[in-house]
Protein backbone atom coordinates (compact mmCIF):
# COMPACT_ATOMS: atom_id res chain seq x y z
CA MET A 1 24.00 21.32 33.21
CA HIS A 2 26.42 19.41 31.00
CA LYS A 3 24.95 16.07 32.12
CA LEU A 4 21.44 17.28 31.29
CA LYS A 5 22.48 18.15 27.72
CA ILE A 6 24.11 14.76 27.27
CA LEU A 7 20.98 13.04 28.63
CA ILE A 8 18.73 14.98 26.23
CA VAL A 9 20.97 14.11 23.27
CA ILE A 10 20.95 10.41 24.23
CA ILE A 11 17.15 10.41 24.55
CA ILE A 12 16.76 12.09 21.15
CA ILE A 13 19.11 9.57 19.54
CA LEU A 14 17.26 6.63 21.09
CA LEU A 15 13.90 7.95 19.94
CA ASN A 16 15.15 8.36 16.37
CA ILE A 17 16.48 4.84 15.96
CA THR A 18 14.29 2.96 13.49
CA ILE A 19 14.06 -0.78 13.33
CA PRO A 20 13.01 -2.23 9.96
CA ILE A 21 9.83 -4.29 9.96
CA TYR A 22 9.60 -6.95 7.30
CA ALA A 23 6.25 -8.10 5.94
CA ASP A 24 5.30 -11.72 6.40
CA ASP A 25 4.63 -13.03 2.90
CA LYS A 26 3.68 -16.52 3.99
CA LEU A 27 0.01 -17.41 4.03
CA GLU A 28 -1.16 -19.24 7.10
CA GLU A 29 -4.08 -20.80 5.26
CA GLU A 30 -3.96 -22.88 2.13
CA ILE A 31 -5.72 -21.62 -1.01
CA THR A 32 -7.50 -24.24 -3.04
CA GLU A 33 -7.59 -24.35 -6.83
CA LYS A 34 -11.26 -23.27 -6.81
CA GLU A 35 -10.55 -20.25 -4.60
CA MET A 36 -7.60 -19.25 -6.80
CA GLN A 37 -9.84 -19.41 -9.89
CA GLU A 38 -12.43 -17.19 -8.15
CA ILE A 39 -9.72 -14.66 -7.30
CA LEU A 40 -8.52 -14.60 -10.91
CA GLU A 41 -12.08 -14.21 -12.22
CA THR A 42 -12.73 -11.19 -10.00
CA ALA A 43 -9.44 -9.52 -10.93
CA VAL A 44 -9.98 -6.40 -13.03
CA ASP A 45 -8.40 -5.96 -16.43
CA ILE A 46 -6.73 -2.54 -16.42
CA MET A 47 -7.31 -2.12 -20.15
CA CYS A 48 -11.12 -2.10 -19.72
CA ILE A 49 -13.10 1.09 -19.24
CA PRO A 50 -13.99 1.39 -15.56
CA ASN A 51 -17.63 0.85 -14.60
CA ILE A 52 -18.49 3.69 -12.24
CA ASN A 53 -21.69 5.45 -11.29
CA SER A 54 -20.55 8.96 -12.12
CA ARG A 55 -20.20 11.25 -15.12
CA TYR A 56 -16.70 12.43 -14.16
CA ALA A 57 -13.90 10.66 -12.35
CA VAL A 58 -10.18 10.84 -11.68
CA ILE A 59 -8.52 7.48 -12.28
CA TYR A 60 -5.11 7.00 -10.66
CA ASP A 61 -2.76 4.18 -11.65
CA ARG A 62 -0.55 3.35 -8.67
CA SER A 63 2.07 1.43 -10.61
CA SER A 64 2.83 4.15 -13.17
CA ARG A 65 1.80 7.04 -10.87
CA LYS A 66 -0.25 8.61 -13.67
CA TYR A 67 -3.81 9.83 -13.52
CA LEU A 68 -6.58 10.22 -16.08
CA ILE A 69 -9.61 12.48 -15.92
CA TRP A 70 -12.47 10.36 -17.26
CA LYS A 71 -15.68 11.86 -18.67
CA GLU A 72 -18.72 9.89 -19.69
């Protein structure tokens, strides 16, 4: 019975071990100057009023973690 308890504790400890996973920030493909310009042109300015097809919306800013209830 004592060996069973030790085995269960070891299994629980092994299942709870977390290994950090690091994101790969390197791009495998090269971005040309033209593609970079297209990306910058399609980027949205956060100071502009959003263009949505609704009379009411909840706008959530992920960086500041604040939200705004928008009414048209």
